[in-house]
Amino acid sequence: MKTLFKAAALGLAPMTALALASAPAIAQSKSGIAVVDLQRAVGISSAYTTARTQMQTTYKPQIDAFNTRKAAIDADLKTKGDALQAALRAAGNKPTPAIETQYQQFQQQQQNAQAELQRLGQPIQLADAYVQEQIGAKLSDALKAAMSKAKVDLLLTPEATVSYQPGVDITQAVVNELNALVPSVGIQPPAGWQPGRQGQPAAAPAPANPAQQPTSR
Protein backbone atom coordinates (compact mmCIF):
# COMPACT_ATOMS: atom_id res chain seq x y z
CA MET A 1 0.00 0.00 0.00
CA LYS A 2 1.11 3.50 -0.69
CA THR A 3 0.98 6.24 1.86
CA LEU A 4 -2.43 7.73 2.42
CA PHE A 5 -2.15 10.91 0.40
CA LYS A 6 -0.65 9.09 -2.58
CA ALA A 7 -3.41 6.49 -2.50
CA ALA A 8 -6.16 9.08 -2.27
CA ALA A 9 -5.42 10.53 -5.69
CA LEU A 10 -6.93 7.47 -7.42
CA GLY A 11 -10.47 8.65 -6.68
CA LEU A 12 -10.48 11.18 -9.50
CA ALA A 13 -10.94 8.65 -12.30
CA PRO A 14 -14.76 8.22 -12.18
CA MET A 15 -15.19 11.93 -12.97
CA THR A 16 -13.75 11.46 -16.44
CA ALA A 17 -16.45 9.27 -17.91
CA LEU A 18 -19.22 11.18 -16.15
CA ALA A 19 -18.10 14.60 -17.31
CA LEU A 20 -17.36 13.53 -20.87
CA ALA A 21 -20.78 11.92 -21.09
CA SER A 22 -22.43 15.17 -20.03
CA ALA A 23 -20.26 17.49 -22.12
CA PRO A 24 -22.47 19.28 -24.66
CA ALA A 25 -21.65 19.32 -28.34
CA ILE A 26 -21.12 22.72 -29.97
CA ALA A 27 -23.36 22.54 -33.04
CA GLN A 28 -21.54 25.25 -35.06
CA SER A 29 -18.04 23.94 -34.38
CA LYS A 30 -15.78 23.52 -37.40
CA SER A 31 -12.56 22.50 -35.65
CA GLY A 32 -13.67 18.96 -34.86
CA ILE A 33 -11.85 16.82 -32.33
CA ALA A 34 -9.82 17.60 -29.23
CA VAL A 35 -8.26 15.59 -26.41
CA VAL A 36 -8.80 16.23 -22.71
CA ASP A 37 -7.48 14.53 -19.57
CA LEU A 38 -10.12 15.35 -16.98
CA GLN A 39 -8.42 13.44 -14.19
CA ARG A 40 -5.31 15.58 -14.66
CA ALA A 41 -7.39 18.75 -15.05
CA VAL A 42 -9.06 18.27 -11.69
CA GLY A 43 -5.82 17.15 -10.06
CA ILE A 44 -3.89 20.29 -11.06
CA SER A 45 -6.72 22.76 -10.58
CA SER A 46 -6.09 25.51 -8.07
CA ALA A 47 -8.97 24.39 -5.85
CA TYR A 48 -7.70 20.82 -5.63
CA THR A 49 -4.02 21.59 -5.09
CA THR A 50 -4.86 24.18 -2.44
CA ALA A 51 -7.26 21.80 -0.71
CA ARG A 52 -4.67 19.03 -0.60
CA THR A 53 -2.17 21.40 1.03
CA GLN A 54 -4.77 22.44 3.58
CA MET A 55 -5.64 18.81 4.28
CA GLN A 56 -2.02 18.01 5.08
CA THR A 57 -2.27 20.50 7.94
CA THR A 58 -5.85 19.97 9.09
CA TYR A 59 -5.65 16.18 9.01
CA LYS A 60 -1.98 15.84 9.98
CA PRO A 61 -2.66 13.74 13.13
CA GLN A 62 -4.79 11.28 11.13
CA ILE A 63 -2.28 11.15 8.27
CA ASP A 64 0.64 10.57 10.64
CA ALA A 65 -1.28 7.87 12.51
CA PHE A 66 -2.15 6.14 9.25
CA ASN A 67 1.38 6.21 7.88
CA THR A 68 2.94 5.09 11.17
CA ARG A 69 0.54 2.18 11.51
CA LYS A 70 0.94 1.27 7.84
CA ALA A 71 4.73 1.12 8.18
CA ALA A 72 4.40 -1.20 11.18
CA ILE A 73 1.89 -3.44 9.39
CA ASP A 74 4.03 -3.62 6.25
CA ALA A 75 7.08 -4.63 8.26
CA ASP A 76 5.15 -7.29 10.20
CA LEU A 77 3.57 -8.76 7.09
CA LYS A 78 6.89 -8.83 5.28
CA THR A 79 8.48 -10.75 8.14
CA LYS A 80 5.65 -13.27 8.22
CA GLY A 81 5.58 -13.56 4.44
CA ASP A 82 9.32 -14.23 4.31
CA ALA A 83 8.93 -16.88 7.02
CA LEU A 84 6.14 -18.53 5.04
CA GLN A 85 8.25 -18.63 1.89
CA ALA A 86 11.19 -20.06 3.83
CA ALA A 87 8.98 -22.79 5.27
CA LEU A 88 7.70 -23.62 1.80
CA ARG A 89 11.25 -23.87 0.40
CA ALA A 90 12.27 -26.10 3.32
CA ALA A 91 9.39 -28.41 2.44
CA GLY A 92 10.59 -28.70 -1.14
CA ASN A 93 7.93 -26.28 -2.40
CA LYS A 94 5.28 -28.82 -1.47
CA PRO A 95 2.64 -27.29 0.81
CA THR A 96 2.10 -29.29 3.96
CA PRO A 97 -1.03 -29.01 6.15
CA ALA A 98 0.96 -26.85 8.56
CA ILE A 99 2.08 -24.53 5.77
CA GLU A 100 -1.45 -24.30 4.38
CA THR A 101 -2.70 -23.32 7.83
CA GLN A 102 0.09 -20.76 8.12
CA TYR A 103 -0.84 -19.36 4.71
CA GLN A 104 -4.52 -19.05 5.63
CA GLN A 105 -3.55 -17.21 8.80
CA PHE A 106 -1.32 -14.89 6.77
CA GLN A 107 -4.18 -14.11 4.38
CA GLN A 108 -6.46 -13.33 7.30
CA GLN A 109 -3.84 -11.01 8.77
CA GLN A 110 -3.61 -9.21 5.43
CA GLN A 111 -7.38 -8.73 5.33
CA ASN A 112 -7.44 -7.49 8.92
CA ALA A 113 -4.64 -5.04 8.11
CA GLN A 114 -6.53 -3.75 5.09
CA ALA A 115 -9.67 -3.22 7.14
CA GLU A 116 -7.74 -1.44 9.90
CA LEU A 117 -6.00 0.92 7.50
CA GLN A 118 -9.27 1.58 5.70
CA ARG A 119 -10.80 2.70 9.00
CA LEU A 120 -7.80 4.86 9.85
CA GLY A 121 -7.76 6.48 6.43
CA GLN A 122 -11.48 7.01 6.07
CA PRO A 123 -11.60 10.61 7.40
CA ILE A 124 -8.97 11.76 4.90
CA GLN A 125 -10.42 9.76 2.02
CA LEU A 126 -13.85 11.20 2.77
CA ALA A 127 -12.44 14.74 2.84
CA ASP A 128 -10.68 14.12 -0.46
CA ALA A 129 -13.92 12.84 -2.01
CA TYR A 130 -15.72 15.94 -0.70
CA VAL A 131 -13.14 18.18 -2.38
CA GLN A 132 -13.43 16.26 -5.64
CA GLU A 133 -17.21 16.40 -5.65
CA GLN A 134 -17.28 20.17 -5.20
CA ILE A 135 -14.92 20.58 -8.15
CA GLY A 136 -16.74 17.93 -10.15
CA ALA A 137 -19.98 19.88 -9.82
CA LYS A 138 -18.43 22.55 -12.07
CA LEU A 139 -16.60 20.22 -14.43
CA SER A 140 -19.34 20.04 -17.06
CA ASP A 141 -19.58 23.86 -17.16
CA ALA A 142 -15.80 24.09 -17.50
CA LEU A 143 -15.85 21.61 -20.37
CA LYS A 144 -18.64 23.49 -22.12
CA ALA A 145 -16.74 26.77 -21.89
CA ALA A 146 -13.45 25.25 -23.02
CA MET A 147 -15.07 23.49 -25.96
CA SER A 148 -16.87 26.66 -27.03
CA LYS A 149 -13.72 28.77 -26.93
CA ALA A 150 -11.69 26.14 -28.81
CA LYS A 151 -14.53 25.49 -31.31
CA VAL A 152 -14.50 21.79 -30.53
CA ASP A 153 -17.47 19.48 -30.93
CA LEU A 154 -15.95 16.11 -30.00
CA LEU A 155 -13.70 15.25 -27.05
CA LEU A 156 -11.58 12.14 -26.59
CA THR A 157 -9.60 10.94 -23.61
CA PRO A 158 -5.85 10.40 -24.15
CA GLU A 159 -6.40 6.66 -23.69
CA ALA A 160 -8.81 6.62 -26.64
CA THR A 161 -6.20 7.98 -29.06
CA VAL A 162 -3.19 6.45 -30.79
CA SER A 163 -1.34 9.72 -31.25
CA TYR A 164 -2.13 13.43 -31.25
CA GLN A 165 -0.40 16.79 -31.49
CA PRO A 166 -0.12 18.88 -28.30
CA GLY A 167 -2.19 21.61 -29.90
CA VAL A 168 -5.36 19.51 -29.79
CA ASP A 169 -5.10 18.94 -26.03
CA ILE A 170 -7.47 21.32 -24.21
CA THR A 171 -6.73 20.02 -20.71
CA GLN A 172 -5.15 23.29 -19.62
CA ALA A 173 -8.11 25.19 -21.05
CA VAL A 174 -10.40 23.12 -18.84
CA VAL A 175 -8.12 23.82 -15.87
CA ASN A 176 -8.37 27.55 -16.57
CA GLU A 177 -12.15 27.37 -16.65
CA LEU A 178 -12.24 25.33 -13.44
CA ASN A 179 -10.01 27.86 -11.71
CA ALA A 180 -12.44 30.61 -12.65
CA LEU A 181 -15.59 28.68 -11.76
CA VAL A 182 -14.42 27.13 -8.48
CA PRO A 183 -11.36 28.94 -7.09
CA SER A 184 -11.60 27.21 -3.71
CA VAL A 185 -13.50 24.46 -1.91
CA GLY A 186 -14.08 23.28 1.63
CA ILE A 187 -12.11 20.34 3.00
CA GLN A 188 -14.32 19.31 5.91
CA PRO A 189 -17.50 17.49 4.85
CA PRO A 190 -20.71 18.15 6.80
CA ALA A 191 -21.61 15.58 9.44
CA GLY A 192 -22.91 12.43 7.80
CA TRP A 193 -21.93 13.50 4.30
CA GLN A 194 -21.46 10.76 1.73
CA PRO A 195 -20.00 10.95 -1.79
CA GLY A 196 -22.61 11.26 -4.51
CA ARG A 197 -25.14 13.08 -2.35
CA GLN A 198 -24.40 16.51 -3.88
CA GLY A 199 -23.08 17.82 -0.58
CA GLN A 200 -26.24 17.10 1.38
CA PRO A 201 -25.91 15.56 4.84
CA ALA A 202 -26.87 11.91 4.94
CA ALA A 203 -26.65 8.89 7.18
CA ALA A 204 -23.25 7.97 8.60
CA PRO A 205 -21.01 6.31 5.97
CA ALA A 206 -21.08 2.54 5.87
CA PRO A 207 -17.76 0.76 6.47
CA ALA A 208 -15.73 0.71 3.27
CA ASN A 209 -15.00 -2.57 1.53
CA PRO A 210 -11.54 -3.72 2.68
CA ALA A 211 -10.91 -5.15 -0.79
CA GLN A 212 -10.70 -1.61 -2.14
CA GLN A 213 -7.44 -1.08 -0.26
CA PRO A 214 -4.27 -2.47 -1.91
CA THR A 215 -2.76 -5.53 -0.29
CA SER A 216 0.37 -5.09 1.82
CA ARG A 217 3.40 -7.00 0.80
Foldseek 3Di string as FASTA:
>chain_A
DDQLVVVLLVVLVVLVVVLQVLAAFDVPFDPEEFEAAVSVLLCPALALVVLVVVCCVVVVVLSVVLVVLVVVLLVVLVVLVVVLVVVCVVVVVDDDPVSVVSVVVSVVSQLVSLLVSLVSSVQQSQLSLQSSLVLSVCQSVLSNVLCVVVSYGYYDYPVVDPDDDPVRYCHVSSSVSSCVVDVHDDRHQDPQDDHPPSRDHDHHDDRDDSVVGDTRD
